[in-house]
N, C-alpha and C. Protein backbone atom coordinates (compact mmCIF):
# COMPACT_ATOMS: atom_id res chain seq x y z
N MET A 1 -6.98 27.15 2.62
CA MET A 1 -6.22 26.15 1.70
C MET A 1 -5.97 24.56 2.24
N ALA A 2 -6.02 23.77 1.48
CA ALA A 2 -6.13 22.28 1.81
C ALA A 2 -4.84 21.91 2.39
N GLU A 3 -5.01 21.01 3.68
CA GLU A 3 -3.70 20.37 4.12
C GLU A 3 -4.10 18.85 3.68
N TRP A 4 -2.72 18.15 3.17
CA TRP A 4 -2.80 17.10 2.54
C TRP A 4 -2.27 16.25 3.76
N GLU A 5 -2.47 14.51 3.79
CA GLU A 5 -1.81 13.72 4.71
C GLU A 5 -1.56 12.63 3.39
N TYR A 6 0.07 11.94 3.89
CA TYR A 6 0.35 10.78 2.82
C TYR A 6 0.37 9.76 3.55
N ALA A 7 0.25 8.56 2.19
CA ALA A 7 0.56 7.13 3.00
C ALA A 7 1.30 6.14 1.58
N THR A 8 1.86 5.53 2.41
CA THR A 8 2.65 4.47 0.90
C THR A 8 2.27 3.26 0.92
N ILE A 9 2.28 2.48 -0.04
CA ILE A 9 2.01 1.41 -0.28
C ILE A 9 3.24 0.85 -1.10
N ASN A 10 3.83 -0.39 -0.14
CA ASN A 10 4.79 -1.30 -1.11
C ASN A 10 4.28 -2.50 -1.43
N TYR A 11 4.20 -2.77 -2.89
CA TYR A 11 3.52 -3.42 -3.26
C TYR A 11 4.54 -5.03 -3.83
N SER A 12 4.66 -6.00 -3.78
CA SER A 12 5.51 -6.99 -4.06
C SER A 12 5.28 -8.16 -3.84
N GLN A 13 6.26 -9.17 -4.50
CA GLN A 13 6.22 -10.68 -4.44
C GLN A 13 6.97 -11.04 -3.29
N GLU A 14 6.45 -11.96 -2.76
CA GLU A 14 7.25 -12.83 -1.70
C GLU A 14 7.05 -14.10 -1.38
N GLY A 15 7.83 -15.10 -1.14
CA GLY A 15 7.57 -16.33 -1.05
C GLY A 15 6.56 -16.84 0.28
N SER A 16 5.36 -17.40 -0.44
CA SER A 16 4.44 -17.82 0.46
C SER A 16 4.80 -18.76 1.75
N MET A 17 4.45 -18.51 2.82
CA MET A 17 4.47 -19.42 4.04
C MET A 17 3.66 -20.52 4.16
N LYS A 18 2.35 -20.79 3.41
CA LYS A 18 1.39 -21.67 3.78
C LYS A 18 1.82 -22.59 2.60
N VAL A 19 2.45 -22.03 1.25
CA VAL A 19 2.79 -23.43 0.42
C VAL A 19 4.34 -22.90 -0.32
N PRO A 20 5.19 -23.54 0.36
CA PRO A 20 6.54 -23.55 0.11
C PRO A 20 6.79 -23.65 -1.47
N GLY A 21 7.70 -22.53 -2.32
CA GLY A 21 8.02 -22.63 -3.41
C GLY A 21 6.80 -21.80 -4.22
N THR A 22 5.93 -21.17 -3.33
CA THR A 22 4.96 -20.05 -4.27
C THR A 22 5.24 -18.71 -3.78
N MET A 23 4.96 -18.04 -4.95
CA MET A 23 4.82 -16.54 -4.80
C MET A 23 3.63 -15.97 -4.46
N ILE A 24 3.48 -15.16 -3.66
CA ILE A 24 2.22 -14.24 -3.10
C ILE A 24 2.67 -12.92 -3.32
N TRP A 25 1.58 -12.07 -3.62
CA TRP A 25 1.62 -10.82 -3.76
C TRP A 25 1.16 -9.90 -2.27
N THR A 26 2.00 -8.96 -2.10
CA THR A 26 1.92 -8.41 -0.40
C THR A 26 2.04 -7.04 -0.50
N ALA A 27 1.09 -6.44 0.23
CA ALA A 27 1.06 -4.90 0.07
C ALA A 27 1.26 -4.58 1.54
N GLN A 28 1.97 -3.43 2.01
CA GLN A 28 2.54 -3.22 3.15
C GLN A 28 2.22 -1.75 3.06
N ILE A 29 1.29 -1.23 3.70
CA ILE A 29 0.80 -0.35 4.04
C ILE A 29 1.25 0.72 5.12
N MET A 30 2.21 2.08 5.03
CA MET A 30 2.39 2.85 6.19
C MET A 30 1.62 4.09 5.99
N TRP A 31 0.30 4.05 7.10
CA TRP A 31 -0.63 5.03 7.37
C TRP A 31 0.17 6.17 8.34
N PRO A 32 -0.33 7.44 7.72
CA PRO A 32 0.48 8.61 8.70
C PRO A 32 0.20 8.29 10.20
N GLY A 33 1.16 8.65 10.84
CA GLY A 33 0.95 8.42 12.37
C GLY A 33 1.29 7.03 12.90
N ALA A 34 0.88 5.91 11.98
CA ALA A 34 0.85 4.32 12.42
C ALA A 34 2.52 4.12 13.10
N GLN A 35 2.22 3.27 14.14
CA GLN A 35 3.30 2.82 14.83
C GLN A 35 3.75 1.22 13.91
N ARG A 36 2.85 0.72 13.13
CA ARG A 36 3.16 -0.32 12.64
C ARG A 36 2.56 -0.54 10.87
N LEU A 37 3.38 -1.11 10.20
CA LEU A 37 2.67 -1.36 8.86
C LEU A 37 1.49 -2.12 8.85
N ASP A 38 0.51 -1.82 8.29
CA ASP A 38 -0.82 -2.43 7.65
C ASP A 38 -0.46 -3.51 6.60
N ILE A 39 -0.43 -5.06 6.88
CA ILE A 39 0.10 -5.86 6.02
C ILE A 39 -1.02 -6.71 5.44
N ARG A 40 -1.09 -6.65 4.10
CA ARG A 40 -2.15 -7.58 3.46
C ARG A 40 -1.52 -8.21 2.69
N ASP A 41 -1.68 -9.73 2.74
CA ASP A 41 -1.00 -10.80 2.12
C ASP A 41 -2.24 -11.76 1.06
N GLU A 42 -1.70 -12.13 -0.11
CA GLU A 42 -2.22 -12.53 -1.31
C GLU A 42 -3.48 -11.43 -1.71
N VAL A 43 -2.86 -10.03 -2.10
CA VAL A 43 -3.95 -9.25 -2.81
C VAL A 43 -3.44 -8.90 -3.87
N ARG A 44 -4.52 -8.57 -4.87
CA ARG A 44 -4.30 -7.64 -5.95
C ARG A 44 -4.25 -6.03 -5.62
N ILE A 45 -3.28 -5.63 -6.49
CA ILE A 45 -3.23 -4.10 -6.10
C ILE A 45 -4.39 -3.25 -6.35
N GLN A 46 -5.37 -3.90 -7.24
CA GLN A 46 -6.55 -3.05 -7.84
C GLN A 46 -7.67 -3.26 -6.65
N ASP A 47 -7.66 -4.44 -6.08
CA ASP A 47 -8.28 -4.46 -4.96
C ASP A 47 -7.86 -3.24 -3.48
N VAL A 48 -6.46 -3.43 -3.12
CA VAL A 48 -6.05 -2.40 -2.43
C VAL A 48 -6.21 -1.32 -2.76
N LEU A 49 -6.16 -0.82 -3.94
CA LEU A 49 -6.38 0.56 -4.34
C LEU A 49 -7.85 1.06 -4.28
N ASN A 50 -8.72 0.21 -4.80
CA ASN A 50 -10.28 0.39 -4.34
C ASN A 50 -10.45 0.27 -2.72
N ASP A 51 -9.65 -0.33 -2.22
CA ASP A 51 -10.23 -0.27 -0.58
C ASP A 51 -10.05 0.95 -0.24
N VAL A 52 -8.72 1.54 -0.37
CA VAL A 52 -8.24 2.64 0.36
C VAL A 52 -8.79 3.67 -0.33
N GLY A 53 -9.10 3.91 -1.82
CA GLY A 53 -9.67 4.89 -2.53
C GLY A 53 -11.13 5.31 -1.94
N ARG A 54 -11.82 4.13 -1.32
CA ARG A 54 -13.01 4.38 -0.59
C ARG A 54 -13.07 5.09 0.96
N ASP A 55 -11.99 5.37 1.11
CA ASP A 55 -11.59 6.03 2.25
C ASP A 55 -11.07 7.50 1.90
N GLY A 56 -10.99 7.80 0.76
CA GLY A 56 -10.61 9.18 0.41
C GLY A 56 -9.46 9.27 -0.01
N TRP A 57 -8.62 8.14 -0.27
CA TRP A 57 -6.89 8.14 -0.52
C TRP A 57 -7.00 8.09 -2.39
N GLU A 58 -6.12 8.97 -2.65
CA GLU A 58 -5.88 8.72 -4.15
C GLU A 58 -4.32 9.02 -4.84
N VAL A 59 -3.92 8.13 -5.65
CA VAL A 59 -2.52 7.43 -6.17
C VAL A 59 -2.15 9.28 -6.55
N VAL A 60 -0.90 9.34 -5.94
CA VAL A 60 -0.05 10.77 -6.35
C VAL A 60 1.12 10.20 -7.42
N SER A 61 1.88 8.94 -7.04
CA SER A 61 2.75 8.45 -7.87
C SER A 61 2.89 6.79 -7.95
N GLU A 62 3.51 6.30 -8.67
CA GLU A 62 3.79 5.06 -8.68
C GLU A 62 5.02 4.67 -9.17
N GLN A 63 6.29 3.81 -8.57
CA GLN A 63 7.48 3.73 -9.15
C GLN A 63 8.09 2.45 -8.93
N PRO A 64 8.99 2.00 -9.69
CA PRO A 64 9.49 0.85 -8.60
C PRO A 64 10.54 0.97 -7.69
N THR A 65 10.64 0.05 -6.94
CA THR A 65 11.51 0.47 -5.58
C THR A 65 12.26 -1.04 -5.83
N THR A 66 12.96 -1.29 -4.60
CA THR A 66 13.82 -3.02 -4.20
C THR A 66 12.67 -3.93 -3.84
N GLY A 67 13.11 -4.42 -4.23
CA GLY A 67 12.24 -6.23 -4.16
C GLY A 67 11.90 -6.83 -5.29
N LEU A 68 11.38 -8.15 -5.21
CA LEU A 68 10.78 -8.58 -6.44
C LEU A 68 9.58 -8.30 -6.91
N ASN A 69 9.94 -7.56 -8.16
CA ASN A 69 8.68 -7.16 -8.96
C ASN A 69 7.94 -5.89 -8.11
N ALA A 70 8.65 -5.36 -7.23
CA ALA A 70 8.41 -4.31 -6.14
C ALA A 70 7.74 -2.81 -6.87
N ARG A 71 6.67 -2.29 -6.28
CA ARG A 71 6.22 -0.91 -6.89
C ARG A 71 5.73 -0.07 -5.32
N GLU A 72 6.14 0.99 -5.39
CA GLU A 72 5.60 1.77 -4.64
C GLU A 72 4.95 3.12 -4.83
N TYR A 73 3.68 2.90 -4.40
CA TYR A 73 2.61 3.86 -4.57
C TYR A 73 2.39 4.86 -3.57
N LEU A 74 2.34 6.39 -3.87
CA LEU A 74 2.11 6.91 -2.85
C LEU A 74 0.92 7.56 -2.87
N LEU A 75 0.44 7.65 -1.71
CA LEU A 75 -1.23 8.47 -1.60
C LEU A 75 -1.29 9.25 -1.01
N LYS A 76 -2.33 10.27 -1.02
CA LYS A 76 -2.64 11.44 -0.57
C LYS A 76 -4.13 11.59 -0.21
N ARG A 77 -4.68 12.18 0.53
CA ARG A 77 -5.96 12.67 1.01
C ARG A 77 -5.98 13.97 1.55
N GLU A 78 -6.96 14.71 1.64
CA GLU A 78 -7.54 15.77 2.47
C GLU A 78 -6.99 15.48 3.85
N LYS A 79 -6.70 16.19 4.61
CA LYS A 79 -6.51 15.86 6.28
C LYS A 79 -7.69 16.00 6.76
N ARG A 80 -7.72 14.94 7.83
CA ARG A 80 -9.13 15.07 8.34
C ARG A 80 -8.99 15.82 9.99
N SER A 81 -10.26 16.59 10.10
CA SER A 81 -9.84 17.01 11.34
C SER A 81 -9.60 16.30 12.80
N THR A 82 -8.93 15.95 13.82
CA THR A 82 -9.41 14.86 14.77
C THR A 82 -10.17 15.47 15.67
């Protein structure tokens, strides 16, 4: 029987530090066992999902969450042996 590992992506808009008064899309990814978030600024969700999909991750669910236009994506992949 397969064992799964899970990750989450919080995708939302926030103010740009480079250009005050503008908004950018940011993905904050929490990988299993990671001590810190993997933060990717100025990204499209399609590009993030394609990137993680190449590493075997697939979307399990997607739902609104707190934050400006924020969505949370739950991902899973078969657990890899270490």
